[in-house]
Amino acid sequence: MPVDTEEKPYQYSFRIKCTSCQSEHPNEISFTRFDSIPTTTGKSNVNYIQKCRSCQKQLSIDIIKGPQAYMLNDPPTEQPIIKFDTKGCDVLAFVPGKGHKWQAEGAETGSKFEDIDFGEIEDEGYSEYDERALEEVGITEAEFTIVNAKKFKTF
């Protein structure tokens, strides 16, 4: 799961598109779950807000739950990491980005692994030595999928 505390907030980056005009934002957008920006009505705060460059409709994203640890399964399964509420936009993709740190725990040993950079896994992979298991552990590939929250009713 991402290292995401108030002292070290994780910078979530996404590609988005406007649901009104279907225009895809030309750049990745980034924010933390600790960002708090008032909506134009002033009735609530969200983590990210902007106007669509094409149609001027307001787009917002608010992380409402997260991050959750990924539990190792064999075979690997899709699992929710964060849950967010969007208004006026669809999230197309999560962009891990280099320098954004994640942490993991050995499934059998409980060994802690920190400084995992998913932005580098595509290029180099991640490997470390688990001293409790006396073997090398690693991540050779990772895939992130954006799914409607209704699919994960327990999240």
C-alpha atoms as a PDB file:
ATOM      1  CA  MET A   1       0.000   0.000   0.000  1.00  0.00           C
ATOM      2  CA  PRO A   2       1.197   3.547  -0.493  1.00  0.00           C
ATOM      3  CA  VAL A   3       3.051   5.302   2.291  1.00  0.00           C
ATOM      4  CA  ASP A   4       0.313   7.819   3.023  1.00  0.00           C
ATOM      5  CA  THR A   5       0.367   9.690   6.317  1.00  0.00           C
ATOM      6  CA  GLU A   6      -0.169  13.342   7.191  1.00  0.00           C
ATOM      7  CA  GLU A   7       3.600  13.615   7.722  1.00  0.00           C
ATOM      8  CA  LYS A   8       4.349  11.870   4.387  1.00  0.00           C
ATOM      9  CA  PRO A   9       1.268  12.215   2.168  1.00  0.00           C
ATOM     10  CA  TYR A  10       1.163  10.124  -1.009  1.00  0.00           C
ATOM     11  CA  GLN A  11       0.753  12.127  -4.198  1.00  0.00           C
ATOM     12  CA  TYR A  12      -1.996  10.280  -6.126  1.00  0.00           C
ATOM     13  CA  SER A  13      -1.792  10.905  -9.879  1.00  0.00           C
ATOM     14  CA  PHE A  14      -4.512  10.116 -12.396  1.00  0.00           C
ATOM     15  CA  ARG A  15      -5.583  10.656 -15.975  1.00  0.00           C
ATOM     16  CA  ILE A  16      -9.160  12.003 -16.150  1.00  0.00           C
ATOM     17  CA  LYS A  17     -11.834  13.045 -18.644  1.00  0.00           C
ATOM     18  CA  CYS A  18     -14.856  15.305 -18.368  1.00  0.00           C
ATOM     19  CA  THR A  19     -18.166  13.420 -18.325  1.00  0.00           C
ATOM     20  CA  SER A  20     -19.940  16.356 -19.969  1.00  0.00           C
ATOM     21  CA  CYS A  21     -17.889  16.952 -23.116  1.00  0.00           C
ATOM     22  CA  GLN A  22     -15.751  13.751 -22.960  1.00  0.00           C
ATOM     23  CA  SER A  23     -12.583  15.831 -23.218  1.00  0.00           C
ATOM     24  CA  GLU A  24      -9.539  14.087 -21.738  1.00  0.00           C
ATOM     25  CA  HIS A  25      -7.377  16.300 -19.541  1.00  0.00           C
ATOM     26  CA  PRO A  26      -4.055  16.761 -21.401  1.00  0.00           C
ATOM     27  CA  ASN A  27      -1.917  16.237 -18.274  1.00  0.00           C
ATOM     28  CA  GLU A  28      -1.931  13.934 -15.303  1.00  0.00           C
ATOM     29  CA  ILE A  29      -3.594  15.466 -12.267  1.00  0.00           C
ATOM     30  CA  SER A  30      -2.174  14.963  -8.759  1.00  0.00           C
ATOM     31  CA  PHE A  31      -3.362  15.494  -5.210  1.00  0.00           C
ATOM     32  CA  THR A  32      -3.114  14.017  -1.717  1.00  0.00           C
ATOM     33  CA  ARG A  33      -5.952  12.678   0.393  1.00  0.00           C
ATOM     34  CA  PHE A  34      -5.091  15.389   2.922  1.00  0.00           C
ATOM     35  CA  ASP A  35      -5.694  18.229   0.436  1.00  0.00           C
ATOM     36  CA  SER A  36      -8.916  20.040   1.329  1.00  0.00           C
ATOM     37  CA  ILE A  37     -10.376  22.432  -1.215  1.00  0.00           C
ATOM     38  CA  PRO A  38     -13.840  24.014  -0.805  1.00  0.00           C
ATOM     39  CA  THR A  39     -16.312  23.381  -3.619  1.00  0.00           C
ATOM     40  CA  THR A  40     -17.818  26.378  -5.391  1.00  0.00           C
ATOM     41  CA  THR A  41     -20.979  26.052  -3.287  1.00  0.00           C
ATOM     42  CA  GLY A  42     -18.873  26.097  -0.113  1.00  0.00           C
ATOM     43  CA  LYS A  43     -20.946  23.237   1.336  1.00  0.00           C
ATOM     44  CA  SER A  44     -18.167  20.663   1.263  1.00  0.00           C
ATOM     45  CA  ASN A  45     -14.477  20.129   0.632  1.00  0.00           C
ATOM     46  CA  VAL A  46     -12.787  17.794  -1.856  1.00  0.00           C
ATOM     47  CA  ASN A  47      -9.221  16.697  -2.538  1.00  0.00           C
ATOM     48  CA  TYR A  48      -9.135  17.961  -6.133  1.00  0.00           C
ATOM     49  CA  ILE A  49     -11.209  20.493  -8.079  1.00  0.00           C
ATOM     50  CA  GLN A  50     -10.892  22.285 -11.410  1.00  0.00           C
ATOM     51  CA  LYS A  51     -12.927  23.422 -14.386  1.00  0.00           C
ATOM     52  CA  CYS A  52     -12.848  21.494 -17.652  1.00  0.00           C
ATOM     53  CA  ARG A  53     -10.739  23.401 -20.162  1.00  0.00           C
ATOM     54  CA  SER A  54     -13.203  22.651 -22.962  1.00  0.00           C
ATOM     55  CA  CYS A  55     -16.688  23.146 -21.454  1.00  0.00           C
ATOM     56  CA  GLN A  56     -15.909  24.869 -18.127  1.00  0.00           C
ATOM     57  CA  LYS A  57     -17.879  22.279 -16.110  1.00  0.00           C
ATOM     58  CA  GLN A  58     -16.586  21.753 -12.553  1.00  0.00           C
ATOM     59  CA  LEU A  59     -14.703  18.477 -11.999  1.00  0.00           C
ATOM     60  CA  SER A  60     -13.908  17.133  -8.536  1.00  0.00           C
ATOM     61  CA  ILE A  61     -12.424  14.077  -6.855  1.00  0.00           C
ATOM     62  CA  ASP A  62     -12.534  13.192  -3.189  1.00  0.00           C
ATOM     63  CA  ILE A  63     -10.848  10.163  -1.623  1.00  0.00           C
ATOM     64  CA  ILE A  64     -13.426   8.706   0.752  1.00  0.00           C
ATOM     65  CA  LYS A  65     -11.560   5.578   1.846  1.00  0.00           C
ATOM     66  CA  GLY A  66      -8.009   4.425   1.604  1.00  0.00           C
ATOM     67  CA  PRO A  67      -5.415   3.264   1.370  1.00  0.00           C
ATOM     68  CA  GLN A  68      -6.099  -0.412   2.016  1.00  0.00           C
ATOM     69  CA  ALA A  69      -3.427  -3.121   2.008  1.00  0.00           C
ATOM     70  CA  TYR A  70      -3.342  -5.557  -0.915  1.00  0.00           C
ATOM     71  CA  MET A  71      -3.637  -9.131   0.347  1.00  0.00           C
ATOM     72  CA  LEU A  72      -1.579 -11.735  -1.517  1.00  0.00           C
ATOM     73  CA  ASN A  73      -3.710 -14.385  -3.248  1.00  0.00           C
ATOM     74  CA  ASP A  74      -2.793 -17.245  -5.532  1.00  0.00           C
ATOM     75  CA  PRO A  75      -3.766 -16.575  -8.254  1.00  0.00           C
ATOM     76  CA  PRO A  76      -3.579 -12.782  -7.859  1.00  0.00           C
ATOM     77  CA  THR A  77      -6.951 -11.054  -7.645  1.00  0.00           C
ATOM     78  CA  GLU A  78      -8.244  -7.532  -8.155  1.00  0.00           C
ATOM     79  CA  GLN A  79      -8.576  -5.747  -4.827  1.00  0.00           C
ATOM     80  CA  PRO A  80      -9.490  -2.185  -3.932  1.00  0.00           C
ATOM     81  CA  ILE A  81      -6.693   0.072  -2.697  1.00  0.00           C
ATOM     82  CA  ILE A  82      -8.518   3.415  -2.444  1.00  0.00           C
ATOM     83  CA  LYS A  83     -12.101   4.530  -2.945  1.00  0.00           C
ATOM     84  CA  PHE A  84     -12.970   7.947  -4.295  1.00  0.00           C
ATOM     85  CA  ASP A  85     -16.011   9.955  -5.272  1.00  0.00           C
ATOM     86  CA  THR A  86     -15.935  11.805  -8.582  1.00  0.00           C
ATOM     87  CA  LYS A  87     -18.225  14.512  -9.849  1.00  0.00           C
ATOM     88  CA  GLY A  88     -18.116  15.719 -13.438  1.00  0.00           C
ATOM     89  CA  CYS A  89     -15.215  13.465 -14.418  1.00  0.00           C
ATOM     90  CA  ASP A  90     -14.200   9.861 -14.948  1.00  0.00           C
ATOM     91  CA  VAL A  91     -10.853   8.555 -13.763  1.00  0.00           C
ATOM     92  CA  LEU A  92      -9.206   6.771 -16.690  1.00  0.00           C
ATOM     93  CA  ALA A  93      -5.986   5.534 -15.118  1.00  0.00           C
ATOM     94  CA  PHE A  94      -3.870   5.613 -11.988  1.00  0.00           C
ATOM     95  CA  VAL A  95      -0.298   6.731 -12.657  1.00  0.00           C
ATOM     96  CA  PRO A  96       2.087   5.415  -9.977  1.00  0.00           C
ATOM     97  CA  GLY A  97       4.857   7.908 -10.771  1.00  0.00           C
ATOM     98  CA  LYS A  98       8.522   7.581  -9.875  1.00  0.00           C
ATOM     99  CA  GLY A  99       9.472   8.599  -6.369  1.00  0.00           C
ATOM    100  CA  HIS A 100       6.086   7.750  -4.844  1.00  0.00           C
ATOM    101  CA  LYS A 101       6.823   5.181  -2.141  1.00  0.00           C
ATOM    102  CA  TRP A 102       4.820   2.083  -1.208  1.00  0.00           C
ATOM    103  CA  GLN A 103       5.304  -0.410   1.598  1.00  0.00           C
ATOM    104  CA  ALA A 104       4.664  -4.149   1.859  1.00  0.00           C
ATOM    105  CA  GLU A 105       4.770  -6.917   4.390  1.00  0.00           C
ATOM    106  CA  GLY A 106       5.972 -10.477   3.803  1.00  0.00           C
ATOM    107  CA  ALA A 107       2.890 -12.728   3.547  1.00  0.00           C
ATOM    108  CA  GLU A 108       4.430 -15.543   5.569  1.00  0.00           C
ATOM    109  CA  THR A 109       7.056 -13.767   7.665  1.00  0.00           C
ATOM    110  CA  GLY A 110       5.631 -10.331   8.375  1.00  0.00           C
ATOM    111  CA  SER A 111       8.938  -8.758   7.251  1.00  0.00           C
ATOM    112  CA  LYS A 112       8.534  -5.069   6.399  1.00  0.00           C
ATOM    113  CA  PHE A 113       9.605  -3.739   3.009  1.00  0.00           C
ATOM    114  CA  GLU A 114       9.609   0.005   2.421  1.00  0.00           C
ATOM    115  CA  ASP A 115      10.663   2.342  -0.357  1.00  0.00           C
ATOM    116  CA  ILE A 116       8.946   0.317  -3.085  1.00  0.00           C
ATOM    117  CA  ASP A 117       8.651   2.539  -6.140  1.00  0.00           C
ATOM    118  CA  PHE A 118       5.975   1.304  -8.581  1.00  0.00           C
ATOM    119  CA  GLY A 119       7.109   3.935 -11.065  1.00  0.00           C
ATOM    120  CA  GLU A 120      10.364   1.955 -11.467  1.00  0.00           C
ATOM    121  CA  ILE A 121       8.893  -1.572 -11.463  1.00  0.00           C
ATOM    122  CA  GLU A 122       8.098  -1.447 -15.186  1.00  0.00           C
ATOM    123  CA  ASP A 123      11.731  -0.654 -15.942  1.00  0.00           C
ATOM    124  CA  GLU A 124      13.663  -2.517 -13.269  1.00  0.00           C
ATOM    125  CA  GLY A 125      11.287  -4.530 -11.073  1.00  0.00           C
ATOM    126  CA  TYR A 126      11.690  -4.587  -7.305  1.00  0.00           C
ATOM    127  CA  SER A 127      13.677  -7.135  -5.334  1.00  0.00           C
ATOM    128  CA  GLU A 128      14.755  -7.406  -1.739  1.00  0.00           C
ATOM    129  CA  TYR A 129      16.003 -10.127   0.575  1.00  0.00           C
ATOM    130  CA  ASP A 130      13.637 -11.413   3.271  1.00  0.00           C
ATOM    131  CA  GLU A 131      15.953 -12.308   6.133  1.00  0.00           C
ATOM    132  CA  ARG A 132      13.231 -14.208   7.992  1.00  0.00           C
ATOM    133  CA  ALA A 133      12.356 -16.399   5.006  1.00  0.00           C
ATOM    134  CA  LEU A 134      16.008 -16.548   3.882  1.00  0.00           C
ATOM    135  CA  GLU A 135      15.025 -15.881   0.282  1.00  0.00           C
ATOM    136  CA  GLU A 136      14.704 -13.141  -2.283  1.00  0.00           C
ATOM    137  CA  VAL A 137      11.280 -11.548  -2.720  1.00  0.00           C
ATOM    138  CA  GLY A 138      10.184  -9.185  -5.423  1.00  0.00           C
ATOM    139  CA  ILE A 139       7.634  -7.553  -7.661  1.00  0.00           C
ATOM    140  CA  THR A 140       8.130  -8.011 -11.387  1.00  0.00           C
ATOM    141  CA  GLU A 141       4.935  -6.428 -12.632  1.00  0.00           C
ATOM    142  CA  ALA A 142       1.978  -4.480 -11.312  1.00  0.00           C
ATOM    143  CA  GLU A 143      -1.313  -3.521 -12.872  1.00  0.00           C
ATOM    144  CA  PHE A 144      -3.714  -0.883 -11.606  1.00  0.00           C
ATOM    145  CA  THR A 145      -7.344  -0.851 -12.721  1.00  0.00           C
ATOM    146  CA  ILE A 146     -10.029   1.756 -12.090  1.00  0.00           C
ATOM    147  CA  VAL A 147     -13.296  -0.003 -11.213  1.00  0.00           C
ATOM    148  CA  ASN A 148     -16.710   1.300 -10.246  1.00  0.00           C
ATOM    149  CA  ALA A 149     -16.988   0.906  -6.443  1.00  0.00           C
ATOM    150  CA  LYS A 150     -20.257  -1.031  -6.760  1.00  0.00           C
ATOM    151  CA  LYS A 151     -18.160  -4.062  -7.769  1.00  0.00           C
ATOM    152  CA  PHE A 152     -16.518  -4.109  -4.308  1.00  0.00           C
ATOM    153  CA  LYS A 153     -19.536  -4.007  -2.015  1.00  0.00           C
ATOM    154  CA  THR A 154     -17.460  -4.697   1.140  1.00  0.00           C
ATOM    155  CA  PHE A 155     -15.056  -1.835   0.535  1.00  0.00           C
END
